């Protein structure tokens, strides 16, 4: 292992990452015994914020925070692969 210089790392990312890229920041927010992962998107997906929670089973009960909107888990438009091809800004 060695520390990669920033310029070398940027070059590697340009060569290895498939385009288009999904740009987002992920924040973890604890709420009533669970950890919500909240993704804020940028670039062509700017304005989109998605929250998700990992449950042990599909029917596991949990309290939904007031700041959570509608359920989109089964809507393929919100999958990263779809957001890369048809960004939120084009809906």
PDB file of N, CA and C in Angstrom:
ATOM      1  N   UNK A   1       0.838  -1.182   0.000  1.00  0.00           N
ATOM      2  CA  UNK A   1       0.000   0.000   0.000  1.00  0.00           C
ATOM      3  C   UNK A   1       0.880   1.243   0.000  1.00  0.00           C
ATOM      4  N   UNK A   2       0.361   2.266  -0.664  1.00  0.00           N
ATOM      5  CA  UNK A   2       1.050   3.552  -0.632  1.00  0.00           C
ATOM      6  C   UNK A   2       0.031   4.664  -0.822  1.00  0.00           C
ATOM      7  N   UNK A   3       0.389   5.827  -0.373  1.00  0.00           N
ATOM      8  CA  UNK A   3      -0.486   6.982  -0.501  1.00  0.00           C
ATOM      9  C   UNK A   3      -0.453   7.450  -1.956  1.00  0.00           C
ATOM     10  N   UNK A   4      -1.634   7.552  -2.579  1.00  0.00           N
ATOM     11  CA  UNK A   4      -1.722   7.956  -3.982  1.00  0.00           C
ATOM     12  C   UNK A   4      -1.828   9.476  -4.061  1.00  0.00           C
ATOM     13  N   UNK A   5      -0.961  10.114  -4.845  1.00  0.00           N
ATOM     14  CA  UNK A   5      -1.073  11.563  -5.029  1.00  0.00           C
ATOM     15  C   UNK A   5      -2.423  11.920  -5.658  1.00  0.00           C
ATOM     16  N   UNK A   6      -2.957  13.068  -5.309  1.00  0.00           N
ATOM     17  CA  UNK A   6      -4.277  13.492  -5.775  1.00  0.00           C
ATOM     18  C   UNK A   6      -4.374  13.469  -7.294  1.00  0.00           C
ATOM     19  N   UNK A   7      -3.371  13.989  -7.987  1.00  0.00           N
ATOM     20  CA  UNK A   7      -3.435  14.025  -9.455  1.00  0.00           C
ATOM     21  C   UNK A   7      -3.493  12.617 -10.041  1.00  0.00           C
ATOM     22  N   UNK A   8      -2.740  11.694  -9.459  1.00  0.00           N
ATOM     23  CA  UNK A   8      -2.761  10.307  -9.925  1.00  0.00           C
ATOM     24  C   UNK A   8      -4.115   9.658  -9.630  1.00  0.00           C
ATOM     25  N   UNK A   9      -4.674   9.942  -8.470  1.00  0.00           N
ATOM     26  CA  UNK A   9      -5.984   9.396  -8.104  1.00  0.00           C
ATOM     27  C   UNK A   9      -7.068   9.912  -9.041  1.00  0.00           C
ATOM     28  N   UNK A  10      -7.030  11.204  -9.364  1.00  0.00           N
ATOM     29  CA  UNK A  10      -8.013  11.782 -10.284  1.00  0.00           C
ATOM     30  C   UNK A  10      -7.917  11.143 -11.666  1.00  0.00           C
ATOM     31  N   UNK A  11      -6.692  10.904 -12.124  1.00  0.00           N
ATOM     32  CA  UNK A  11      -6.487  10.264 -13.424  1.00  0.00           C
ATOM     33  C   UNK A  11      -7.037   8.836 -13.416  1.00  0.00           C
ATOM     34  N   UNK A  12      -6.798   8.112 -12.325  1.00  0.00           N
ATOM     35  CA  UNK A  12      -7.311   6.749 -12.202  1.00  0.00           C
ATOM     36  C   UNK A  12      -8.838   6.743 -12.235  1.00  0.00           C
ATOM     37  N   UNK A  13      -9.452   7.669 -11.525  1.00  0.00           N
ATOM     38  CA  UNK A  13     -10.907   7.742 -11.501  1.00  0.00           C
ATOM     39  C   UNK A  13     -11.471   8.047 -12.882  1.00  0.00           C
ATOM     40  N   UNK A  14     -10.828   8.950 -13.610  1.00  0.00           N
ATOM     41  CA  UNK A  14     -11.278   9.292 -14.962  1.00  0.00           C
ATOM     42  C   UNK A  14     -11.241   8.077 -15.882  1.00  0.00           C
ATOM     43  N   UNK A  15     -10.229   7.248 -15.712  1.00  0.00           N
ATOM     44  CA  UNK A  15     -10.067   6.088 -16.581  1.00  0.00           C
ATOM     45  C   UNK A  15     -10.949   4.908 -16.168  1.00  0.00           C
ATOM     46  N   UNK A  16     -11.188   4.753 -14.874  1.00  0.00           N
ATOM     47  CA  UNK A  16     -11.862   3.557 -14.377  1.00  0.00           C
ATOM     48  C   UNK A  16     -13.365   3.697 -14.163  1.00  0.00           C
ATOM     49  N   UNK A  17     -13.827   4.898 -13.907  1.00  0.00           N
ATOM     50  CA  UNK A  17     -15.250   5.089 -13.602  1.00  0.00           C
ATOM     51  C   UNK A  17     -16.073   5.200 -14.875  1.00  0.00           C
ATOM     52  N   UNK A  18     -17.162   4.468 -14.891  1.00  0.00           N
ATOM     53  CA  UNK A  18     -18.057   4.529 -16.041  1.00  0.00           C
ATOM     54  C   UNK A  18     -18.831   5.841 -16.016  1.00  0.00           C
ATOM     55  N   UNK A  19     -19.096   6.354 -17.189  1.00  0.00           N
ATOM     56  CA  UNK A  19     -19.853   7.591 -17.327  1.00  0.00           C
ATOM     57  C   UNK A  19     -21.260   7.242 -17.791  1.00  0.00           C
ATOM     58  N   UNK A  20     -22.248   8.013 -17.466  1.00  0.00           N
ATOM     59  CA  UNK A  20     -22.220   9.193 -16.606  1.00  0.00           C
ATOM     60  C   UNK A  20     -22.118   8.795 -15.132  1.00  0.00           C
ATOM     61  N   UNK A  21     -21.632   9.720 -14.333  1.00  0.00           N
ATOM     62  CA  UNK A  21     -21.439   9.476 -12.910  1.00  0.00           C
ATOM     63  C   UNK A  21     -22.654   9.927 -12.112  1.00  0.00           C
ATOM     64  N   UNK A  22     -22.864   9.280 -10.999  1.00  0.00           N
ATOM     65  CA  UNK A  22     -23.865   9.715 -10.028  1.00  0.00           C
ATOM     66  C   UNK A  22     -23.101  10.488  -8.960  1.00  0.00           C
ATOM     67  N   UNK A  23     -23.467  11.748  -8.771  1.00  0.00           N
ATOM     68  CA  UNK A  23     -22.823  12.589  -7.763  1.00  0.00           C
ATOM     69  C   UNK A  23     -23.775  12.740  -6.585  1.00  0.00           C
ATOM     70  N   UNK A  24     -23.306  12.344  -5.387  1.00  0.00           N
ATOM     71  CA  UNK A  24     -24.154  12.463  -4.210  1.00  0.00           C
ATOM     72  C   UNK A  24     -23.318  12.466  -2.943  1.00  0.00           C
ATOM     73  N   UNK A  25     -23.901  13.033  -1.903  1.00  0.00           N
ATOM     74  CA  UNK A  25     -23.345  12.961  -0.558  1.00  0.00           C
ATOM     75  C   UNK A  25     -24.281  12.100   0.267  1.00  0.00           C
ATOM     76  N   UNK A  26     -23.722  11.210   1.071  1.00  0.00           N
ATOM     77  CA  UNK A  26     -24.530  10.353   1.937  1.00  0.00           C
ATOM     78  C   UNK A  26     -24.301  10.759   3.387  1.00  0.00           C
ATOM     79  N   UNK A  27     -25.402  10.915   4.096  1.00  0.00           N
ATOM     80  CA  UNK A  27     -25.379  11.237   5.515  1.00  0.00           C
ATOM     81  C   UNK A  27     -26.164  10.159   6.247  1.00  0.00           C
ATOM     82  N   UNK A  28     -25.664   9.721   7.383  1.00  0.00           N
ATOM     83  CA  UNK A  28     -26.382   8.746   8.200  1.00  0.00           C
ATOM     84  C   UNK A  28     -27.020   9.476   9.374  1.00  0.00           C
ATOM     85  N   UNK A  29     -28.328   9.270   9.537  1.00  0.00           N
ATOM     86  CA  UNK A  29     -29.078   9.952  10.587  1.00  0.00           C
ATOM     87  C   UNK A  29     -29.718   8.902  11.489  1.00  0.00           C
ATOM     88  N   UNK A  30     -29.337   8.873  12.782  1.00  0.00           N
ATOM     89  CA  UNK A  30     -29.982   7.940  13.703  1.00  0.00           C
ATOM     90  C   UNK A  30     -31.387   8.438  14.062  1.00  0.00           C
ATOM     91  N   UNK A  31     -32.336   7.503  14.107  1.00  0.00           N
ATOM     92  CA  UNK A  31     -33.708   7.866  14.479  1.00  0.00           C
ATOM     93  C   UNK A  31     -34.393   6.655  15.096  1.00  0.00           C
ATOM     94  N   UNK A  32     -34.709   6.763  16.361  1.00  0.00           N
ATOM     95  CA  UNK A  32     -35.461   5.747  17.108  1.00  0.00           C
ATOM     96  C   UNK A  32     -34.941   4.328  16.895  1.00  0.00           C
ATOM     97  N   UNK A  33     -33.637   4.164  17.079  1.00  0.00           N
ATOM     98  CA  UNK A  33     -33.036   2.837  17.029  1.00  0.00           C
ATOM     99  C   UNK A  33     -32.601   2.353  15.660  1.00  0.00           C
ATOM    100  N   UNK A  34     -32.809   3.157  14.631  1.00  0.00           N
ATOM    101  CA  UNK A  34     -32.397   2.795  13.274  1.00  0.00           C
ATOM    102  C   UNK A  34     -31.477   3.873  12.717  1.00  0.00           C
ATOM    103  N   UNK A  35     -30.754   3.514  11.684  1.00  0.00           N
ATOM    104  CA  UNK A  35     -29.909   4.477  10.984  1.00  0.00           C
ATOM    105  C   UNK A  35     -30.455   4.666   9.575  1.00  0.00           C
ATOM    106  N   UNK A  36     -30.844   5.890   9.264  1.00  0.00           N
ATOM    107  CA  UNK A  36     -31.333   6.251   7.937  1.00  0.00           C
ATOM    108  C   UNK A  36     -30.169   6.773   7.124  1.00  0.00           C
ATOM    109  N   UNK A  37     -30.012   6.266   5.923  1.00  0.00           N
ATOM    110  CA  UNK A  37     -28.997   6.774   4.997  1.00  0.00           C
ATOM    111  C   UNK A  37     -29.696   7.733   4.043  1.00  0.00           C
ATOM    112  N   UNK A  38     -29.255   8.979   4.066  1.00  0.00           N
ATOM    113  CA  UNK A  38     -29.883  10.023   3.261  1.00  0.00           C
ATOM    114  C   UNK A  38     -28.889  10.464   2.192  1.00  0.00           C
ATOM    115  N   UNK A  39     -29.284  10.317   0.929  1.00  0.00           N
ATOM    116  CA  UNK A  39     -28.449  10.704  -0.211  1.00  0.00           C
ATOM    117  C   UNK A  39     -28.968  12.002  -0.807  1.00  0.00           C
ATOM    118  N   UNK A  40     -28.099  13.011  -0.861  1.00  0.00           N
ATOM    119  CA  UNK A  40     -28.411  14.271  -1.540  1.00  0.00           C
ATOM    120  C   UNK A  40     -27.640  14.265  -2.852  1.00  0.00           C
ATOM    121  N   UNK A  41     -28.359  14.365  -3.956  1.00  0.00           N
ATOM    122  CA  UNK A  41     -27.764  14.247  -5.283  1.00  0.00           C
ATOM    123  C   UNK A  41     -27.370  15.611  -5.840  1.00  0.00           C
ATOM    124  N   UNK A  42     -26.385  15.589  -6.737  1.00  0.00           N
ATOM    125  CA  UNK A  42     -25.872  16.799  -7.377  1.00  0.00           C
ATOM    126  C   UNK A  42     -25.834  16.583  -8.886  1.00  0.00           C
ATOM    127  N   UNK A  43     -25.274  17.538  -9.598  1.00  0.00           N
ATOM    128  CA  UNK A  43     -25.186  17.421 -11.049  1.00  0.00           C
ATOM    129  C   UNK A  43     -26.577  17.408 -11.649  1.00  0.00           C
ATOM    130  N   UNK A  44     -26.800  16.508 -12.595  1.00  0.00           N
ATOM    131  CA  UNK A  44     -28.096  16.440 -13.270  1.00  0.00           C
ATOM    132  C   UNK A  44     -29.205  15.862 -12.389  1.00  0.00           C
ATOM    133  N   UNK A  45     -28.845  15.359 -11.217  1.00  0.00           N
ATOM    134  CA  UNK A  45     -29.842  14.856 -10.268  1.00  0.00           C
ATOM    135  C   UNK A  45     -30.036  15.807  -9.088  1.00  0.00           C
ATOM    136  N   UNK A  46     -29.533  17.034  -9.221  1.00  0.00           N
ATOM    137  CA  UNK A  46     -29.649  18.029  -8.151  1.00  0.00           C
ATOM    138  C   UNK A  46     -31.118  18.235  -7.791  1.00  0.00           C
ATOM    139  N   UNK A  47     -31.371  18.326  -6.501  1.00  0.00           N
ATOM    140  CA  UNK A  47     -32.731  18.504  -6.010  1.00  0.00           C
ATOM    141  C   UNK A  47     -33.358  17.215  -5.521  1.00  0.00           C
ATOM    142  N   UNK A  48     -32.759  16.098  -5.865  1.00  0.00           N
ATOM    143  CA  UNK A  48     -33.270  14.798  -5.438  1.00  0.00           C
ATOM    144  C   UNK A  48     -32.602  14.400  -4.129  1.00  0.00           C
ATOM    145  N   UNK A  49     -33.411  14.017  -3.166  1.00  0.00           N
ATOM    146  CA  UNK A  49     -32.917  13.513  -1.885  1.00  0.00           C
ATOM    147  C   UNK A  49     -33.663  12.214  -1.607  1.00  0.00           C
ATOM    148  N   UNK A  50     -32.914  11.163  -1.359  1.00  0.00           N
ATOM    149  CA  UNK A  50     -33.497   9.843  -1.106  1.00  0.00           C
ATOM    150  C   UNK A  50     -33.000   9.341   0.245  1.00  0.00           C
ATOM    151  N   UNK A  51     -33.925   8.800   1.044  1.00  0.00           N
ATOM    152  CA  UNK A  51     -33.575   8.217   2.338  1.00  0.00           C
ATOM    153  C   UNK A  51     -33.903   6.735   2.308  1.00  0.00           C
ATOM    154  N   UNK A  52     -33.053   5.951   2.949  1.00  0.00           N
ATOM    155  CA  UNK A  52     -33.340   4.518   3.041  1.00  0.00           C
ATOM    156  C   UNK A  52     -32.946   3.995   4.407  1.00  0.00           C
ATOM    157  N   UNK A  53     -33.580   2.903   4.772  1.00  0.00           N
ATOM    158  CA  UNK A  53     -33.339   2.254   6.051  1.00  0.00           C
ATOM    159  C   UNK A  53     -33.154   0.763   5.777  1.00  0.00           C
ATOM    160  N   UNK A  54     -32.225   0.141   6.485  1.00  0.00           N
ATOM    161  CA  UNK A  54     -32.013  -1.304   6.354  1.00  0.00           C
ATOM    162  C   UNK A  54     -32.768  -1.998   7.483  1.00  0.00           C
ATOM    163  N   UNK A  55     -33.626  -2.935   7.113  1.00  0.00           N
ATOM    164  CA  UNK A  55     -34.406  -3.685   8.085  1.00  0.00           C
ATOM    165  C   UNK A  55     -33.997  -5.154   8.048  1.00  0.00           C
ATOM    166  N   UNK A  56     -34.188  -5.841   9.164  1.00  0.00           N
ATOM    167  CA  UNK A  56     -33.858  -7.265   9.226  1.00  0.00           C
ATOM    168  C   UNK A  56     -34.817  -8.085   8.361  1.00  0.00           C
ATOM    169  N   UNK A  57     -36.080  -7.679   8.325  1.00  0.00           N
ATOM    170  CA  UNK A  57     -37.090  -8.333   7.491  1.00  0.00           C
ATOM    171  C   UNK A  57     -37.947  -7.262   6.830  1.00  0.00           C
ATOM    172  N   UNK A  58     -38.626  -7.641   5.767  1.00  0.00           N
ATOM    173  CA  UNK A  58     -39.464  -6.694   5.029  1.00  0.00           C
ATOM    174  C   UNK A  58     -40.596  -6.131   5.887  1.00  0.00           C
ATOM    175  N   UNK A  59     -41.072  -6.914   6.844  1.00  0.00           N
ATOM    176  CA  UNK A  59     -42.207  -6.506   7.677  1.00  0.00           C
ATOM    177  C   UNK A  59     -41.799  -5.978   9.047  1.00  0.00           C
ATOM    178  N   UNK A  60     -40.525  -5.738   9.262  1.00  0.00           N
ATOM    179  CA  UNK A  60     -40.061  -5.232  10.548  1.00  0.00           C
ATOM    180  C   UNK A  60     -40.665  -3.852  10.806  1.00  0.00           C
ATOM    181  N   UNK A  61     -41.294  -3.658  11.963  1.00  0.00           N
ATOM    182  CA  UNK A  61     -41.884  -2.349  12.256  1.00  0.00           C
ATOM    183  C   UNK A  61     -40.807  -1.300  12.549  1.00  0.00           C
ATOM    184  N   UNK A  62     -41.111  -0.063  12.180  1.00  0.00           N
ATOM    185  CA  UNK A  62     -40.219   1.063  12.469  1.00  0.00           C
ATOM    186  C   UNK A  62     -41.042   2.343  12.456  1.00  0.00           C
ATOM    187  N   UNK A  63     -40.548   3.341  13.174  1.00  0.00           N
ATOM    188  CA  UNK A  63     -41.178   4.660  13.167  1.00  0.00           C
ATOM    189  C   UNK A  63     -40.588   5.472  12.033  1.00  0.00           C
ATOM    190  N   UNK A  64     -41.456   6.064  11.237  1.00  0.00           N
ATOM    191  CA  UNK A  64     -41.015   6.871  10.102  1.00  0.00           C
ATOM    192  C   UNK A  64     -40.890   8.328  10.550  1.00  0.00           C
ATOM    193  N   UNK A  65     -39.714   8.934  10.345  1.00  0.00           N
ATOM    194  CA  UNK A  65     -39.551  10.347  10.705  1.00  0.00           C
ATOM    195  C   UNK A  65     -40.504  11.238   9.899  1.00  0.00           C
ATOM    196  N   UNK A  66     -40.860  12.379  10.461  1.00  0.00           N
ATOM    197  CA  UNK A  66     -41.751  13.329   9.782  1.00  0.00           C
ATOM    198  C   UNK A  66     -41.170  13.833   8.472  1.00  0.00           C
ATOM    199  N   UNK A  67     -39.847  13.826   8.331  1.00  0.00           N
ATOM    200  CA  UNK A  67     -39.211  14.379   7.138  1.00  0.00           C
ATOM    201  C   UNK A  67     -39.134  13.382   5.980  1.00  0.00           C
ATOM    202  N   UNK A  68     -39.671  12.191   6.169  1.00  0.00           N
ATOM    203  CA  UNK A  68     -39.689  11.191   5.096  1.00  0.00           C
ATOM    204  C   UNK A  68     -40.916  11.419   4.221  1.00  0.00           C
ATOM    205  N   UNK A  69     -40.701  11.383   2.907  1.00  0.00           N
ATOM    206  CA  UNK A  69     -41.803  11.541   1.957  1.00  0.00           C
ATOM    207  C   UNK A  69     -42.371  10.195   1.545  1.00  0.00           C
ATOM    208  N   UNK A  70     -42.781  10.109   0.302  1.00  0.00           N
ATOM    209  CA  UNK A  70     -43.445   8.893  -0.182  1.00  0.00           C
ATOM    210  C   UNK A  70     -42.446   7.768  -0.454  1.00  0.00           C
ATOM    211  N   UNK A  71     -42.952   6.559  -0.461  1.00  0.00           N
ATOM    212  CA  UNK A  71     -42.167   5.350  -0.719  1.00  0.00           C
ATOM    213  C   UNK A  71     -41.833   5.249  -2.208  1.00  0.00           C
ATOM    214  N   UNK A  72     -40.546   5.060  -2.530  1.00  0.00           N
ATOM    215  CA  UNK A  72     -40.125   4.957  -3.932  1.00  0.00           C
ATOM    216  C   UNK A  72     -39.291   3.701  -4.203  1.00  0.00           C
ATOM    217  N   UNK A  73     -39.246   2.788  -3.248  1.00  0.00           N
ATOM    218  CA  UNK A  73     -38.389   1.600  -3.383  1.00  0.00           C
ATOM    219  C   UNK A  73     -38.662   0.792  -4.641  1.00  0.00           C
ATOM    220  N   UNK A  74     -39.911   0.733  -5.068  1.00  0.00           N
ATOM    221  CA  UNK A  74     -40.267  -0.082  -6.232  1.00  0.00           C
ATOM    222  C   UNK A  74     -40.336   0.718  -7.526  1.00  0.00           C
ATOM    223  N   UNK A  75     -39.953   1.981  -7.482  1.00  0.00           N
ATOM    224  CA  UNK A  75     -39.972   2.828  -8.678  1.00  0.00           C
ATOM    225  C   UNK A  75     -38.578   2.820  -9.302  1.00  0.00           C
ATOM    226  N   UNK A  76     -38.399   2.155 -10.437  1.00  0.00           N
ATOM    227  CA  UNK A  76     -37.060   2.019 -11.022  1.00  0.00           C
ATOM    228  C   UNK A  76     -36.409   3.341 -11.413  1.00  0.00           C
ATOM    229  N   UNK A  77     -37.174   4.418 -11.561  1.00  0.00           N
ATOM    230  CA  UNK A  77     -36.571   5.717 -11.894  1.00  0.00           C
ATOM    231  C   UNK A  77     -35.562   6.159 -10.841  1.00  0.00           C
ATOM    232  N   UNK A  78     -35.731   5.675  -9.604  1.00  0.00           N
ATOM    233  CA  UNK A  78     -34.868   6.087  -8.504  1.00  0.00           C
ATOM    234  C   UNK A  78     -33.639   5.202  -8.337  1.00  0.00           C
ATOM    235  N   UNK A  79     -33.513   4.132  -9.103  1.00  0.00           N
ATOM    236  CA  UNK A  79     -32.327   3.276  -9.037  1.00  0.00           C
ATOM    237  C   UNK A  79     -31.144   4.055  -9.607  1.00  0.00           C
ATOM    238  N   UNK A  80     -29.961   3.893  -9.029  1.00  0.00           N
ATOM    239  CA  UNK A  80     -28.780   4.629  -9.497  1.00  0.00           C
ATOM    240  C   UNK A  80     -28.521   4.425 -10.986  1.00  0.00           C
ATOM    241  N   UNK A  81     -28.690   3.208 -11.469  1.00  0.00           N
ATOM    242  CA  UNK A  81     -28.449   2.945 -12.893  1.00  0.00           C
ATOM    243  C   UNK A  81     -29.395   3.761 -13.763  1.00  0.00           C
ATOM    244  N   UNK A  82     -30.641   3.882 -13.333  1.00  0.00           N
ATOM    245  CA  UNK A  82     -31.615   4.678 -14.096  1.00  0.00           C
ATOM    246  C   UNK A  82     -31.324   6.167 -13.970  1.00  0.00           C
ATOM    247  N   UNK A  83     -30.933   6.613 -12.780  1.00  0.00           N
ATOM    248  CA  UNK A  83     -30.604   8.032 -12.590  1.00  0.00           C
ATOM    249  C   UNK A  83     -29.401   8.439 -13.429  1.00  0.00           C
ATOM    250  N   UNK A  84     -28.496   7.512 -13.675  1.00  0.00           N
ATOM    251  CA  UNK A  84     -27.332   7.809 -14.518  1.00  0.00           C
ATOM    252  C   UNK A  84     -27.753   8.008 -15.970  1.00  0.00           C
ATOM    253  N   UNK A  85     -28.720   7.232 -16.424  1.00  0.00           N
ATOM    254  CA  UNK A  85     -29.161   7.305 -17.822  1.00  0.00           C
ATOM    255  C   UNK A  85     -30.236   8.367 -18.050  1.00  0.00           C
ATOM    256  N   UNK A  86     -31.159   8.494 -17.108  1.00  0.00           N
ATOM    257  CA  UNK A  86     -32.239   9.481 -17.198  1.00  0.00           C
ATOM    258  C   UNK A  86     -32.287  10.246 -15.883  1.00  0.00           C
ATOM    259  N   UNK A  87     -31.470  11.291 -15.760  1.00  0.00           N
ATOM    260  CA  UNK A  87     -31.368  12.035 -14.506  1.00  0.00           C
ATOM    261  C   UNK A  87     -32.687  12.695 -14.091  1.00  0.00           C
ATOM    262  N   UNK A  88     -32.792  12.952 -12.818  1.00  0.00           N
ATOM    263  CA  UNK A  88     -33.946  13.590 -12.191  1.00  0.00           C
ATOM    264  C   UNK A  88     -34.329  14.892 -12.895  1.00  0.00           C
ATOM    265  N   UNK A  89     -33.346  15.648 -13.363  1.00  0.00           N
ATOM    266  CA  UNK A  89     -33.611  16.936 -14.016  1.00  0.00           C
ATOM    267  C   UNK A  89     -34.351  16.779 -15.343  1.00  0.00           C
ATOM    268  N   UNK A  90     -34.404  15.582 -15.893  1.00  0.00           N
ATOM    269  CA  UNK A  90     -35.078  15.349 -17.181  1.00  0.00           C
ATOM    270  C   UNK A  90     -36.466  14.726 -17.034  1.00  0.00           C
ATOM    271  N   UNK A  91     -36.923  14.524 -15.815  1.00  0.00           N
ATOM    272  CA  UNK A  91     -38.238  13.925 -15.622  1.00  0.00           C
ATOM    273  C   UNK A  91     -39.329  14.909 -15.971  1.00  0.00           C
TER     274      UNK A  91
END
